[in-house]
Amino acid sequence: VEGIAQHTDSREPQLVAQEHGKVGVGYNTDMLLTVGDSVLTSPVLVWGEDYASLVQKALDGESFDSAVRWEGAETGAWRLSAFSSKVPAEAKLMVSEEYQRLVEGHDAIFCRPELRDNRGRVRNGPENPAVNPVPWEATHLVPGTTCLTGNVVNQMCQEYSGDQCIEHWLLEGIYDACTGLAPKVEGIGSPNLTEGECFLGRLDIPDLCPPGEHLTLRGCVPVDPGFYSEAEQAIPCRPGYAAPVPGAGSCDPCPAGTAAPSRQAVSCDLCEPGKFSDIAAASVCRSCEPGRFSARVGATACQICDFGFYAPHSGALECTPCARDMVTLSMAETNASACVCRGGLFRP
């Protein structure tokens, strides 16, 4: 868990989160001011706007039902507090754009189909019933959304001990609570559940992003070339390794004859002439030693200078021949002084 949200006016949950090095979203007051920058932002209810609207309707003699009706951002009934310095600029922009859509009535928070979480998973569709709050055959959701209908019946109730669902039952009728109002009816008649099974089972603990993806503000996305994914993070390949395509679950070691000298490599570089690499996962190609050479790219070993040749310096692309009618007595010579006259000849 990296952060928490809350539905209580107390700042204590945010203080506990801060104590454990976590962040959170406050509620109903600007908790950034009273807790610190671990509070990313807080939705703040502006009670006066709603009460003023209801009172005005009563004064004007308008009829309205007795149910509590909370308005939305479009009426100023709630607002977002200031953002913490920990909130990235991209996130601030995304939240501000969505807030503006809510104000203009172009979007609703939950009352829409295909509601997706931060990993891109649909949270309110029949194809994913295990994460929905109620059985799909119940009549208190608008199909395909999480919006309550006007006829809230057959409410599903659960009792948990820790994260283990120990009991569940259905209330047949319209109720405001799960206890003390109706007998418990065992079992839930859902085609996706066995008889007696709790609807949510264990609490809905989000899955991790799949291998090759990392968690971003826009959900799980493939890591870029040069990276691999680990614990939902994008990790750059270390020297000697490369990831040539997006979505790598691991980086590939550079084969012999190649090297990757820096982090975040998308490919391994062939060793230049005069250099070689005889191992996998090399971060650098080594220069050929004096007395040896490499004339081609991608060498896995250097060749030895033959009789009559020498290489005085490291990194030789070729060996230097001895002067005319001179030869070396051994291979891999490193100096011109190793060149001697052929048999029967002498140096004047």
Protein backbone atom coordinates (compact mmCIF):
# COMPACT_ATOMS: atom_id res chain seq x y z
CA VAL A 1 0.00 0.00 0.00
CA GLU A 2 1.43 3.36 -1.06
CA GLY A 3 -1.42 5.61 -0.01
CA ILE A 4 -4.83 5.76 1.62
CA ALA A 5 -8.14 7.53 1.14
CA GLN A 6 -10.69 8.11 3.88
CA HIS A 7 -14.33 8.91 4.49
CA THR A 8 -14.11 10.48 7.92
CA ASP A 9 -13.52 14.05 9.05
CA SER A 10 -10.70 13.11 11.41
CA ARG A 11 -7.13 13.77 10.32
CA GLU A 12 -5.84 10.78 12.32
CA PRO A 13 -5.76 8.35 9.34
CA GLN A 14 -3.51 10.81 7.50
CA LEU A 15 -1.21 11.19 10.50
CA VAL A 16 -0.85 7.41 10.73
CA ALA A 17 -0.14 7.18 7.00
CA GLN A 18 2.49 9.91 7.31
CA GLU A 19 4.10 8.11 10.24
CA HIS A 20 4.53 5.04 8.03
CA GLY A 21 5.93 6.99 5.11
CA LYS A 22 2.74 6.80 3.04
CA VAL A 23 0.62 9.42 1.32
CA GLY A 24 -3.12 9.93 1.37
CA VAL A 25 -6.17 11.87 0.26
CA GLY A 26 -7.93 13.70 3.09
CA TYR A 27 -11.59 14.44 3.51
CA ASN A 28 -13.82 17.44 4.19
CA THR A 29 -11.08 19.82 5.33
CA ASP A 30 -7.79 20.90 3.79
CA MET A 31 -5.69 18.37 5.69
CA LEU A 32 -2.59 19.48 3.84
CA LEU A 33 -2.55 22.44 6.25
CA THR A 34 -2.93 20.37 9.41
CA VAL A 35 -0.96 17.23 8.50
CA GLY A 36 1.63 18.16 5.87
CA ASP A 37 2.52 17.42 2.27
CA SER A 38 1.87 13.70 2.68
CA VAL A 39 -1.78 14.69 2.07
CA LEU A 40 -2.01 14.94 -1.71
CA THR A 41 -5.33 16.79 -1.73
CA SER A 42 -8.74 16.64 -0.02
CA PRO A 43 -12.30 16.84 -1.34
CA VAL A 44 -14.05 19.42 0.81
CA LEU A 45 -17.82 19.46 1.22
CA VAL A 46 -19.27 22.96 1.13
CA TRP A 47 -22.31 22.30 3.29
CA GLY A 48 -23.75 25.77 2.99
CA GLU A 49 -24.36 25.44 -0.75
CA ASP A 50 -26.60 22.38 -0.33
CA TYR A 51 -28.46 23.72 2.69
CA ALA A 52 -29.02 27.07 0.98
CA SER A 53 -30.47 25.31 -2.07
CA LEU A 54 -32.88 23.19 0.00
CA VAL A 55 -33.95 26.09 2.18
CA GLN A 56 -34.58 28.26 -0.88
CA LYS A 57 -36.75 25.55 -2.41
CA ALA A 58 -38.78 25.41 0.80
CA LEU A 59 -39.14 29.20 0.88
CA ASP A 60 -40.25 29.20 -2.75
CA GLY A 61 -42.88 26.58 -2.00
CA GLU A 62 -41.32 23.99 -4.28
CA SER A 63 -42.10 20.36 -3.59
CA PHE A 64 -39.27 17.90 -3.18
CA ASP A 65 -38.97 14.54 -1.52
CA SER A 66 -37.52 14.20 1.94
CA ALA A 67 -34.45 12.28 0.84
CA VAL A 68 -31.12 13.97 1.33
CA ARG A 69 -29.92 15.23 -2.04
CA TRP A 70 -26.28 16.26 -2.25
CA GLU A 71 -25.36 18.28 -5.29
CA GLY A 72 -22.11 18.02 -7.19
CA ALA A 73 -19.16 20.12 -8.25
CA GLU A 74 -21.32 21.95 -10.79
CA THR A 75 -23.14 23.74 -7.94
CA GLY A 76 -20.07 24.30 -5.79
CA ALA A 77 -21.28 21.75 -3.22
CA TRP A 78 -17.76 20.36 -3.00
CA ARG A 79 -14.30 21.37 -4.11
CA LEU A 80 -10.75 20.06 -4.09
CA SER A 81 -8.21 21.59 -1.76
CA ALA A 82 -4.73 22.61 -2.86
CA PHE A 83 -2.38 19.93 -4.17
CA SER A 84 0.65 18.76 -2.25
CA SER A 85 4.09 19.39 -3.71
CA LYS A 86 4.37 15.60 -4.02
CA VAL A 87 1.70 15.54 -6.76
CA PRO A 88 3.34 15.46 -10.22
CA ALA A 89 2.40 18.17 -12.68
CA GLU A 90 0.88 15.57 -15.01
CA ALA A 91 -1.43 14.35 -12.23
CA LYS A 92 -2.48 17.90 -11.37
CA LEU A 93 -3.39 18.50 -14.99
CA MET A 94 -5.37 15.25 -15.26
CA VAL A 95 -7.31 15.96 -12.06
CA SER A 96 -8.00 19.55 -13.07
CA GLU A 97 -9.31 18.45 -16.48
CA GLU A 98 -11.58 15.82 -14.92
CA TYR A 99 -12.82 18.30 -12.31
CA GLN A 100 -13.75 20.71 -15.09
CA ARG A 101 -15.69 17.97 -16.89
CA LEU A 102 -17.63 17.31 -13.67
CA VAL A 103 -18.36 21.02 -13.22
CA GLU A 104 -19.62 21.29 -16.80
CA GLY A 105 -21.78 18.17 -16.42
CA HIS A 106 -19.89 16.23 -19.08
CA ASP A 107 -18.95 13.39 -16.75
CA ALA A 108 -20.00 11.67 -13.54
CA ILE A 109 -17.69 10.08 -11.00
CA PHE A 110 -19.30 6.64 -10.76
CA CYS A 111 -22.50 6.82 -12.80
CA ARG A 112 -21.07 5.68 -16.11
CA PRO A 113 -20.33 2.40 -17.84
CA GLU A 114 -16.82 1.02 -18.27
CA LEU A 115 -15.54 2.56 -15.04
CA ARG A 116 -11.82 1.71 -14.88
CA ASP A 117 -9.33 1.76 -12.04
CA ASN A 118 -5.77 3.05 -12.18
CA ARG A 119 -4.67 -0.22 -13.79
CA GLY A 120 -7.17 0.07 -16.60
CA ARG A 121 -9.44 -2.72 -15.32
CA VAL A 122 -13.21 -2.39 -15.69
CA ARG A 123 -14.66 -2.23 -12.18
CA ASN A 124 -18.39 -2.23 -12.90
CA GLY A 125 -19.01 -4.58 -15.79
CA PRO A 126 -20.50 -8.08 -15.81
CA GLU A 127 -17.28 -9.45 -17.28
CA ASN A 128 -15.56 -8.64 -13.97
CA PRO A 129 -18.20 -9.54 -11.35
CA ALA A 130 -15.80 -10.37 -8.51
CA VAL A 131 -15.01 -6.71 -7.94
CA ASN A 132 -18.56 -5.36 -8.01
CA PRO A 133 -20.32 -4.35 -4.79
CA VAL A 134 -23.46 -6.42 -5.33
CA PRO A 135 -24.73 -9.39 -7.34
CA TRP A 136 -25.66 -8.43 -10.87
CA GLU A 137 -29.16 -9.82 -10.60
CA ALA A 138 -29.98 -7.35 -7.80
CA THR A 139 -32.12 -4.45 -8.96
CA HIS A 140 -30.43 -1.51 -7.27
CA LEU A 141 -27.80 -0.76 -9.93
CA VAL A 142 -28.34 0.81 -13.31
CA PRO A 143 -27.07 -1.94 -15.67
CA GLY A 144 -23.46 -1.44 -16.65
CA THR A 145 -22.83 1.28 -14.07
CA THR A 146 -22.48 1.70 -10.32
CA CYS A 147 -25.45 4.09 -10.14
CA LEU A 148 -28.23 3.26 -7.69
CA THR A 149 -31.70 2.95 -9.13
CA GLY A 150 -34.76 4.46 -7.51
CA ASN A 151 -35.83 1.05 -6.22
CA VAL A 152 -33.02 -0.11 -3.94
CA VAL A 153 -33.93 -3.67 -3.03
CA ASN A 154 -32.22 -6.94 -2.21
CA GLN A 155 -29.19 -5.36 -0.61
CA MET A 156 -26.27 -7.72 -0.13
CA CYS A 157 -24.65 -7.67 3.31
CA GLN A 158 -21.33 -9.07 4.46
CA GLU A 159 -19.48 -9.44 7.72
CA TYR A 160 -15.69 -9.54 7.79
CA SER A 161 -13.09 -10.60 10.28
CA GLY A 162 -9.95 -8.88 9.10
CA ASP A 163 -9.91 -9.52 5.36
CA GLN A 164 -11.85 -12.79 5.59
CA CYS A 165 -15.53 -12.79 4.67
CA ILE A 166 -17.15 -14.90 7.39
CA GLU A 167 -20.84 -14.36 6.71
CA HIS A 168 -23.14 -12.87 4.08
CA TRP A 169 -26.85 -12.48 3.55
CA LEU A 170 -29.42 -10.63 1.47
CA LEU A 171 -31.96 -8.10 2.65
CA GLU A 172 -35.14 -8.48 0.63
CA GLY A 173 -36.58 -5.01 0.67
CA ILE A 174 -35.44 -1.42 1.16
CA TYR A 175 -33.22 -0.91 4.21
CA ASP A 176 -30.53 1.47 5.36
CA ALA A 177 -28.46 -1.07 7.29
CA CYS A 178 -27.60 -4.74 7.21
CA THR A 179 -28.26 -5.69 10.85
CA GLY A 180 -31.38 -6.13 12.93
CA LEU A 181 -33.85 -5.42 10.18
CA ALA A 182 -34.52 -8.67 8.38
CA PRO A 183 -33.73 -12.36 8.65
CA LYS A 184 -30.52 -13.47 7.00
CA VAL A 185 -31.11 -15.36 3.77
CA GLU A 186 -28.27 -17.77 3.15
CA GLY A 187 -26.70 -17.93 -0.27
CA ILE A 188 -26.60 -15.56 -3.18
CA GLY A 189 -28.30 -16.57 -6.39
CA SER A 190 -25.58 -15.56 -8.79
CA PRO A 191 -24.51 -17.69 -11.76
CA ASN A 192 -20.93 -16.68 -11.06
CA LEU A 193 -20.90 -17.97 -7.47
CA THR A 194 -21.36 -21.28 -5.74
CA GLU A 195 -24.06 -21.58 -3.10
CA GLY A 196 -23.02 -19.99 0.18
CA GLU A 197 -19.96 -18.23 -1.24
CA CYS A 198 -19.32 -14.66 -0.14
CA PHE A 199 -19.69 -12.33 -3.08
CA LEU A 200 -16.38 -10.56 -2.72
CA GLY A 201 -14.62 -13.43 -0.96
CA ARG A 202 -11.51 -11.85 0.44
CA LEU A 203 -11.28 -8.10 0.24
CA ASP A 204 -10.58 -6.87 -3.24
CA ILE A 205 -6.79 -6.53 -3.17
CA PRO A 206 -5.71 -5.11 -6.54
CA ASP A 207 -3.56 -7.29 -8.75
CA LEU A 208 -0.10 -6.11 -9.68
CA CYS A 209 0.63 -4.94 -13.19
CA PRO A 210 1.51 -7.90 -15.43
CA PRO A 211 5.17 -8.62 -16.28
CA GLY A 212 6.62 -6.06 -18.64
CA GLU A 213 4.35 -3.25 -17.44
CA HIS A 214 4.67 -0.57 -14.80
CA LEU A 215 2.13 1.54 -12.98
CA THR A 216 1.71 5.12 -14.17
CA LEU A 217 -0.87 7.84 -13.75
CA ARG A 218 -2.68 6.31 -16.73
CA GLY A 219 -2.63 2.74 -15.43
CA CYS A 220 -0.41 -0.21 -16.31
CA VAL A 221 1.60 0.47 -19.45
CA PRO A 222 4.51 -1.40 -21.07
CA VAL A 223 7.94 -0.23 -20.02
CA ASP A 224 9.99 1.55 -22.68
CA PRO A 225 12.89 -0.11 -24.51
CA GLY A 226 15.96 -0.06 -22.30
CA PHE A 227 13.87 -0.85 -19.21
CA TYR A 228 12.35 -3.87 -17.53
CA SER A 229 9.52 -4.06 -15.01
CA GLU A 230 9.83 -5.10 -11.39
CA ALA A 231 7.22 -4.57 -8.65
CA GLU A 232 5.24 -2.26 -10.98
CA GLN A 233 8.26 -0.03 -11.54
CA ALA A 234 10.29 0.64 -14.68
CA ILE A 235 13.92 -0.26 -13.97
CA PRO A 236 16.68 0.71 -16.44
CA CYS A 237 18.83 -2.11 -17.76
CA ARG A 238 22.22 -2.12 -16.10
CA PRO A 239 25.45 -1.98 -18.13
CA GLY A 240 26.02 -5.22 -20.05
CA TYR A 241 22.31 -5.77 -20.61
CA ALA A 242 19.76 -4.44 -23.10
CA ALA A 243 16.01 -4.47 -23.77
CA PRO A 244 15.35 -3.81 -27.47
CA VAL A 245 11.54 -3.78 -27.41
CA PRO A 246 8.84 -2.31 -25.11
CA GLY A 247 7.32 -4.45 -22.38
CA ALA A 248 10.39 -6.37 -21.27
CA GLY A 249 10.09 -8.41 -18.11
CA SER A 250 13.87 -8.65 -17.94
CA CYS A 251 16.91 -7.32 -19.79
CA ASP A 252 18.93 -9.58 -22.09
CA PRO A 253 22.66 -10.05 -21.44
CA CYS A 254 24.87 -8.85 -24.26
CA PRO A 255 26.36 -11.84 -26.13
CA ALA A 256 30.09 -12.31 -26.53
CA GLY A 257 31.51 -9.94 -29.12
CA THR A 258 29.26 -7.10 -27.92
CA ALA A 259 28.95 -4.78 -24.95
CA ALA A 260 26.60 -2.19 -23.44
CA PRO A 261 28.64 0.44 -21.61
CA SER A 262 25.77 2.44 -20.13
CA ARG A 263 22.45 1.91 -18.38
CA GLN A 264 19.13 1.87 -20.24
CA ALA A 265 20.61 0.26 -23.38
CA VAL A 266 18.22 -0.78 -26.14
CA SER A 267 20.90 -2.75 -27.98
CA CYS A 268 24.39 -4.12 -27.49
CA ASP A 269 27.24 -2.55 -29.45
CA LEU A 270 29.53 -4.74 -31.56
CA CYS A 271 33.14 -4.55 -30.46
CA GLU A 272 35.18 -2.34 -32.76
CA PRO A 273 38.24 -3.65 -34.65
CA GLY A 274 41.15 -3.93 -32.23
CA LYS A 275 38.82 -4.93 -29.39
CA PHE A 276 36.97 -8.06 -28.26
CA SER A 277 34.57 -9.48 -25.69
CA ASP A 278 34.78 -13.15 -24.75
CA ILE A 279 32.02 -13.18 -22.10
CA ALA A 280 28.29 -12.47 -21.95
CA ALA A 281 26.93 -9.36 -20.23
CA ALA A 282 30.09 -7.34 -20.88
CA SER A 283 29.85 -3.62 -20.21
CA VAL A 284 32.99 -2.80 -22.24
CA CYS A 285 34.99 -4.39 -25.03
CA ARG A 286 38.63 -4.97 -24.11
CA SER A 287 41.54 -3.94 -26.32
CA CYS A 288 43.71 -6.64 -27.84
CA GLU A 289 46.99 -7.04 -25.98
CA PRO A 290 50.32 -6.23 -27.69
CA GLY A 291 51.26 -9.12 -29.95
CA ARG A 292 47.63 -9.71 -30.88
CA PHE A 293 45.13 -8.05 -33.21
CA SER A 294 41.52 -8.01 -34.36
CA ALA A 295 40.60 -6.82 -37.83
CA ARG A 296 36.82 -7.29 -37.67
CA VAL A 297 33.88 -6.02 -35.64
CA GLY A 298 32.22 -8.22 -33.04
CA ALA A 299 35.32 -10.23 -32.22
CA THR A 300 35.11 -12.71 -29.35
CA ALA A 301 38.91 -13.18 -29.27
CA CYS A 302 42.04 -11.57 -30.68
CA GLN A 303 44.32 -13.33 -33.13
CA ILE A 304 48.04 -13.88 -32.48
CA CYS A 305 50.58 -12.14 -34.69
CA ASP A 306 52.16 -14.77 -36.95
CA PHE A 307 55.86 -15.40 -37.53
CA GLY A 308 57.45 -12.35 -39.14
CA PHE A 309 54.95 -9.93 -37.60
CA TYR A 310 54.65 -8.00 -34.37
CA ALA A 311 52.18 -5.62 -32.63
CA PRO A 312 53.82 -3.17 -30.26
CA HIS A 313 50.67 -1.54 -28.93
CA SER A 314 47.32 -2.69 -27.52
CA GLY A 315 44.23 -2.41 -29.69
CA ALA A 316 45.99 -3.34 -32.94
CA LEU A 317 43.83 -3.80 -36.04
CA GLU A 318 46.67 -5.66 -37.76
CA CYS A 319 50.21 -6.77 -37.07
CA THR A 320 53.25 -4.92 -38.42
CA PRO A 321 55.47 -7.01 -40.74
CA CYS A 322 59.20 -7.27 -40.13
CA ALA A 323 61.51 -5.66 -42.68
CA ARG A 324 62.40 -7.54 -45.87
CA ASP A 325 64.32 -10.79 -45.34
CA MET A 326 63.64 -10.61 -41.59
CA VAL A 327 61.55 -12.93 -39.48
CA THR A 328 60.61 -13.52 -35.85
CA LEU A 329 61.58 -16.67 -34.03
CA SER A 330 58.20 -16.90 -32.29
CA MET A 331 54.62 -15.73 -32.64
CA ALA A 332 52.88 -12.93 -30.70
CA GLU A 333 55.92 -10.70 -30.74
CA THR A 334 55.48 -7.16 -29.42
CA ASN A 335 58.59 -5.32 -30.66
CA ALA A 336 60.53 -4.76 -33.88
CA SER A 337 63.67 -5.91 -32.11
CA ALA A 338 62.26 -9.43 -32.28
CA CYS A 339 62.78 -9.39 -36.04
CA VAL A 340 66.03 -11.18 -37.08
CA CYS A 341 67.65 -12.03 -40.39
CA ARG A 342 66.54 -15.16 -42.15
CA GLY A 343 68.96 -18.11 -42.14
CA GLY A 344 72.12 -17.51 -44.15
CA LEU A 345 71.71 -13.75 -44.04
CA PHE A 346 73.17 -11.18 -41.74
CA ARG A 347 72.74 -7.51 -41.03
CA PRO A 348 75.70 -5.41 -42.24
